Amino acid sequence: MASNLKSVYNSKIVDFLKNSTIPKTSTVFKGTLYEHTVVRELEHKFHKFGFISGDSSNHFHGSPSNKTQPNKLNGLEIIGGSFDHGIDIIGQLNGSLTKLLVQCKCFSKQKVAGKEIRELVGATSMYKTMNTQFESLSVLASPNTITKDGIQVMNKIPIPLIYIQVSMLNAKDLDQSGQILSVYENDCSYKKYGFSKIN
């Protein structure tokens, strides 16, 4: 089922590549293609394994308890634009009031540091000010690694935050490129959602 979902989303990416009127050498095109890549990888990961709530002692490994229930993700939507207030992608966990808020940083070389984490927190606060009925799970996606400073800042923030490293997509090799390379979530997110338990 998961591979079928990935194939379906690959067809959406192909449509974007063929039909987009944005100059392919522009940063806007590269950024939008990266957003499509992040959506594909998140949907694939969520639908393949479910999204398990629970607790464990390790941020990077662990088997979810059989007693926990998977929270499936409603379809992610790319909303990036001039009035996105810093949020590029939005989704929602089924049966809950939790919104998945994703910010993409399509850096060529720059690593994600505390500055970018603070920007994500600011964007989350702005969104929640206008949507007070929802809880939030905020995700920062980038092709590059996160610094120690970035991790330290994440762990000081008392709201659920996740960092995912998603590699850049190669249009000539959709299946083997643009993949999730690493995941880190802060203590608040790990205790509530346990996203990094999904292998």
Protein backbone atom coordinates (compact mmCIF):
# COMPACT_ATOMS: atom_id res chain seq x y z
CA MET A 1 0.00 0.00 0.00
CA ALA A 2 2.76 2.42 0.94
CA SER A 3 4.70 1.84 -2.29
CA ASN A 4 1.49 2.45 -4.25
CA LEU A 5 1.01 5.76 -2.43
CA LYS A 6 4.56 6.73 -3.26
CA SER A 7 3.98 5.88 -6.92
CA VAL A 8 0.83 8.00 -6.91
CA TYR A 9 2.71 10.94 -5.50
CA ASN A 10 5.54 10.42 -7.97
CA SER A 11 2.99 10.96 -10.73
CA LYS A 12 2.04 14.28 -9.10
CA ILE A 13 5.70 15.28 -9.09
CA VAL A 14 6.02 14.35 -12.77
CA ASP A 15 2.97 16.51 -13.53
CA PHE A 16 4.57 19.40 -11.68
CA LEU A 17 7.85 18.97 -13.57
CA LYS A 18 6.05 18.88 -16.91
CA ASN A 19 3.46 21.59 -16.37
CA SER A 20 5.07 24.16 -14.10
CA THR A 21 5.61 27.55 -15.72
CA ILE A 22 8.18 28.53 -13.09
CA PRO A 23 11.71 28.78 -14.55
CA LYS A 24 13.44 25.52 -13.65
CA THR A 25 16.65 27.25 -12.63
CA SER A 26 14.91 29.57 -10.16
CA THR A 27 15.00 29.18 -6.40
CA VAL A 28 11.18 29.24 -6.40
CA PHE A 29 11.05 26.16 -8.64
CA LYS A 30 13.64 24.32 -6.57
CA GLY A 31 11.83 25.23 -3.36
CA THR A 32 8.44 24.10 -4.67
CA LEU A 33 9.89 20.82 -5.96
CA TYR A 34 11.42 20.27 -2.54
CA GLU A 35 8.03 20.87 -0.89
CA HIS A 36 6.51 18.17 -3.14
CA THR A 37 9.35 15.86 -2.14
CA VAL A 38 8.75 16.45 1.57
CA VAL A 39 5.02 15.80 1.16
CA ARG A 40 5.73 12.52 -0.62
CA GLU A 41 8.12 11.31 2.06
CA LEU A 42 5.89 12.30 4.98
CA GLU A 43 2.79 10.71 3.46
CA HIS A 44 4.73 7.55 2.64
CA LYS A 45 6.13 7.29 6.16
CA PHE A 46 2.82 8.03 7.89
CA HIS A 47 0.72 5.68 5.77
CA LYS A 48 3.22 2.83 5.81
CA PHE A 49 3.68 2.66 9.55
CA GLY A 50 0.95 4.77 11.09
CA PHE A 51 1.87 7.50 13.53
CA ILE A 52 2.28 5.96 16.96
CA SER A 53 1.81 7.79 20.23
CA GLY A 54 3.78 6.53 23.20
CA ASP A 55 6.95 6.94 25.23
CA SER A 56 10.42 5.38 25.28
CA SER A 57 13.90 6.21 26.48
CA ASN A 58 15.54 6.67 23.08
CA HIS A 59 14.86 9.42 20.58
CA PHE A 60 16.07 7.47 17.57
CA HIS A 61 15.04 3.85 18.09
CA GLY A 62 12.35 1.78 19.76
CA SER A 63 9.42 -0.47 18.97
CA PRO A 64 5.93 0.99 19.45
CA SER A 65 3.75 -0.79 21.95
CA ASN A 66 1.00 -3.03 20.62
CA LYS A 67 -1.38 -1.14 22.87
CA THR A 68 -0.83 2.16 21.11
CA GLN A 69 -3.02 3.25 18.21
CA PRO A 70 -1.74 4.64 14.90
CA ASN A 71 -2.83 8.16 14.03
CA LYS A 72 -3.18 8.32 10.26
CA LEU A 73 -2.45 11.57 8.51
CA ASN A 74 -4.98 13.41 6.37
CA GLY A 75 -3.58 14.46 3.01
CA LEU A 76 -0.87 17.08 3.23
CA GLU A 77 -1.41 20.31 1.33
CA ILE A 78 1.25 22.66 0.02
CA ILE A 79 0.25 26.21 0.89
CA GLY A 80 3.60 27.97 0.47
CA GLY A 81 3.31 31.49 -0.91
CA SER A 82 3.44 35.15 -0.02
CA PHE A 83 0.83 34.81 2.72
CA ASP A 84 1.82 31.46 4.24
CA HIS A 85 3.23 33.11 7.40
CA GLY A 86 6.22 30.76 7.20
CA ILE A 87 4.26 27.50 6.93
CA ASP A 88 4.72 25.64 3.64
CA ILE A 89 2.70 22.45 4.18
CA ILE A 90 -0.30 21.62 6.37
CA GLY A 91 -1.86 18.29 7.34
CA GLN A 92 -4.00 16.91 10.15
CA LEU A 93 -3.98 13.74 12.21
CA ASN A 94 -7.22 11.81 11.80
CA GLY A 95 -9.57 11.92 14.75
CA SER A 96 -7.73 14.75 16.45
CA LEU A 97 -7.37 18.51 16.50
CA THR A 98 -3.64 18.25 15.84
CA LYS A 99 -2.37 20.10 12.80
CA LEU A 100 0.92 19.11 11.21
CA LEU A 101 2.71 22.35 10.30
CA VAL A 102 5.70 21.91 8.01
CA GLN A 103 8.32 24.49 7.12
CA CYS A 104 10.81 23.66 4.36
CA LYS A 105 14.33 25.07 4.20
CA CYS A 106 15.76 24.13 0.81
CA PHE A 107 19.34 25.02 1.70
CA SER A 108 22.12 24.08 -0.71
CA LYS A 109 24.84 23.80 1.94
CA GLN A 110 23.73 25.59 5.10
CA LYS A 111 22.97 23.43 8.12
CA VAL A 112 19.89 23.99 10.26
CA ALA A 113 20.78 25.89 13.44
CA GLY A 114 18.96 27.46 16.36
CA LYS A 115 17.95 30.45 14.24
CA GLU A 116 15.85 28.27 11.93
CA ILE A 117 14.25 26.47 14.87
CA ARG A 118 13.23 29.79 16.40
CA GLU A 119 11.74 30.85 13.06
CA LEU A 120 9.67 27.64 13.01
CA VAL A 121 8.43 28.36 16.54
CA GLY A 122 7.48 31.90 15.46
CA ALA A 123 5.59 30.59 12.42
CA THR A 124 3.81 28.05 14.63
CA SER A 125 2.80 30.76 17.10
CA MET A 126 1.46 32.92 14.27
CA TYR A 127 -0.60 30.03 12.89
CA LYS A 128 -2.00 29.10 16.30
CA THR A 129 -2.95 32.73 16.97
CA MET A 130 -5.26 32.52 13.96
CA ASN A 131 -6.36 28.91 14.58
CA THR A 132 -6.76 28.66 18.33
CA GLN A 133 -8.86 25.47 18.22
CA PHE A 134 -5.96 23.34 16.98
CA GLU A 135 -2.97 21.76 18.66
CA SER A 136 0.21 21.71 16.59
CA LEU A 137 3.01 19.37 15.66
CA SER A 138 5.64 21.44 13.87
CA VAL A 139 8.14 19.98 11.41
CA LEU A 140 11.22 21.55 9.86
CA ALA A 141 12.52 19.84 6.71
CA SER A 142 15.90 20.46 5.10
CA PRO A 143 18.34 18.56 2.85
CA ASN A 144 21.15 19.18 5.34
CA THR A 145 21.91 18.13 8.89
CA ILE A 146 20.96 19.96 12.06
CA THR A 147 23.65 21.47 14.30
CA LYS A 148 24.15 20.79 18.00
CA ASP A 149 22.88 24.31 18.63
CA GLY A 150 19.73 23.51 16.67
CA ILE A 151 19.11 20.39 18.76
CA GLN A 152 19.74 22.28 22.00
CA VAL A 153 17.24 24.96 21.02
CA MET A 154 14.67 22.31 20.03
CA ASN A 155 14.94 20.63 23.41
CA LYS A 156 14.37 23.90 25.25
CA ILE A 157 11.11 24.60 23.41
CA PRO A 158 8.00 23.30 25.27
CA ILE A 159 5.99 22.53 22.12
CA PRO A 160 6.25 19.45 19.86
CA LEU A 161 8.98 19.97 17.23
CA ILE A 162 10.45 17.58 14.66
CA TYR A 163 13.40 17.98 12.32
CA ILE A 164 13.60 15.76 9.24
CA GLN A 165 16.48 15.64 6.81
CA VAL A 166 15.06 14.97 3.34
CA SER A 167 17.53 14.82 0.48
CA MET A 168 17.02 16.75 -2.75
CA LEU A 169 15.05 15.04 -5.50
CA ASN A 170 16.74 13.97 -8.72
CA ALA A 171 14.13 14.30 -11.47
CA LYS A 172 15.80 11.44 -13.37
CA ASP A 173 15.56 9.06 -10.41
CA LEU A 174 12.39 9.72 -8.42
CA ASP A 175 12.40 6.41 -6.55
CA GLN A 176 15.93 6.51 -5.16
CA SER A 177 16.29 10.22 -4.43
CA GLY A 178 14.50 12.70 -2.21
CA GLN A 179 14.40 10.38 0.79
CA ILE A 180 14.25 10.87 4.55
CA LEU A 181 17.81 10.50 5.81
CA SER A 182 17.35 11.30 9.50
CA VAL A 183 14.76 12.38 12.04
CA TYR A 184 15.06 14.17 15.36
CA GLU A 185 12.22 15.28 17.61
CA ASN A 186 12.36 17.19 20.85
CA ASP A 187 11.34 15.76 24.21
CA CYS A 188 7.86 17.27 24.05
CA SER A 189 7.11 15.68 20.68
CA TYR A 190 8.72 12.37 21.55
CA LYS A 191 6.63 11.88 24.67
CA LYS A 192 3.41 12.84 22.92
CA TYR A 193 3.83 11.42 19.41
CA GLY A 194 6.99 9.32 19.06
CA PHE A 195 7.51 10.05 15.35
CA SER A 196 11.18 9.03 15.47
CA LYS A 197 10.20 5.48 16.49
CA ILE A 198 9.00 4.88 12.94
CA ASN A 199 11.79 2.99 11.18
